[in-house]
């Protein structure tokens, strides 16, 4: 996603969140990628946009990762 690619300060946060949200046993099922559970992802899209088929908007992804970054810093 270009919106995150141009913000190096969010790269590590993005990787951490990718693995934190990955479905259990992701390495055992195709595709062998740490992706969130499909039902969870659709639920999050439904609650955010009112439509489970709506694509996540880049600005919202950046805002979420910025929040995660600030939250983790506050815990230190």
Protein backbone atom coordinates (compact mmCIF):
# COMPACT_ATOMS: atom_id res chain seq x y z
CA UNK A 1 0.00 0.00 0.00
CA UNK A 2 1.55 3.24 -1.15
CA UNK A 3 0.17 5.31 1.74
CA UNK A 4 2.24 3.24 4.19
CA UNK A 5 5.21 2.73 1.85
CA UNK A 6 5.95 6.46 1.84
CA UNK A 7 5.93 6.60 5.67
CA UNK A 8 8.96 4.62 6.89
CA UNK A 9 8.11 5.35 10.53
CA UNK A 10 5.04 3.11 10.10
CA UNK A 11 6.80 0.13 8.51
CA UNK A 12 7.72 -1.61 11.76
CA UNK A 13 4.29 -0.89 13.24
CA UNK A 14 2.68 -2.32 10.11
CA UNK A 15 4.67 -5.55 10.37
CA UNK A 16 3.88 -5.89 14.08
CA UNK A 17 0.17 -5.36 13.43
CA UNK A 18 0.22 -7.74 10.49
CA UNK A 19 1.42 -10.55 12.74
CA UNK A 20 -0.74 -9.47 15.69
CA UNK A 21 -3.90 -9.71 13.56
CA UNK A 22 -2.86 -12.81 11.60
CA UNK A 23 -5.12 -15.82 11.89
CA UNK A 24 -3.82 -18.68 14.00
CA UNK A 25 -1.75 -21.22 12.12
CA UNK A 26 -1.46 -18.94 9.06
CA UNK A 27 1.73 -20.76 8.03
CA UNK A 28 -0.21 -24.04 7.58
CA UNK A 29 -2.77 -22.79 5.05
CA UNK A 30 -2.57 -21.27 1.62
CA UNK A 31 -1.79 -18.52 1.04
CA UNK A 32 1.12 -18.82 3.44
CA UNK A 33 0.82 -15.18 4.52
CA UNK A 34 0.08 -13.67 7.93
CA UNK A 35 -3.32 -12.31 6.91
CA UNK A 36 -6.18 -11.55 9.31
CA UNK A 37 -9.08 -13.96 9.48
CA UNK A 38 -11.50 -13.19 6.63
CA UNK A 39 -14.54 -13.00 8.92
CA UNK A 40 -12.74 -10.63 11.32
CA UNK A 41 -11.63 -8.40 8.44
CA UNK A 42 -15.15 -8.27 6.98
CA UNK A 43 -16.54 -7.44 10.44
CA UNK A 44 -14.07 -4.56 10.80
CA UNK A 45 -14.99 -3.23 7.35
CA UNK A 46 -18.69 -3.51 8.21
CA UNK A 47 -18.24 -1.55 11.44
CA UNK A 48 -16.04 1.09 9.78
CA UNK A 49 -17.81 1.65 6.48
CA UNK A 50 -21.19 -0.08 6.84
CA UNK A 51 -20.24 -2.46 4.04
CA UNK A 52 -18.08 -5.59 4.46
CA UNK A 53 -17.04 -5.38 0.80
CA UNK A 54 -15.76 -1.80 1.03
CA UNK A 55 -11.99 -1.61 0.58
CA UNK A 56 -9.99 -0.16 3.43
CA UNK A 57 -9.15 3.43 2.59
CA UNK A 58 -5.44 4.36 2.67
CA UNK A 59 -5.97 7.32 4.99
CA UNK A 60 -7.77 5.11 7.49
CA UNK A 61 -4.97 2.52 7.41
CA UNK A 62 -2.39 5.27 8.04
CA UNK A 63 -4.49 6.71 10.89
CA UNK A 64 -4.80 3.24 12.47
CA UNK A 65 -1.05 2.59 12.26
CA UNK A 66 -0.29 6.04 13.65
CA UNK A 67 -2.62 5.29 16.56
CA UNK A 68 -0.90 1.93 17.15
CA UNK A 69 2.51 3.64 17.10
CA UNK A 70 1.46 6.31 19.61
CA UNK A 71 -0.24 3.73 21.83
CA UNK A 72 2.87 1.54 21.98
CA UNK A 73 5.02 4.59 22.76
CA UNK A 74 2.68 5.57 25.58
CA UNK A 75 3.09 2.12 27.14
CA UNK A 76 6.85 2.54 27.47
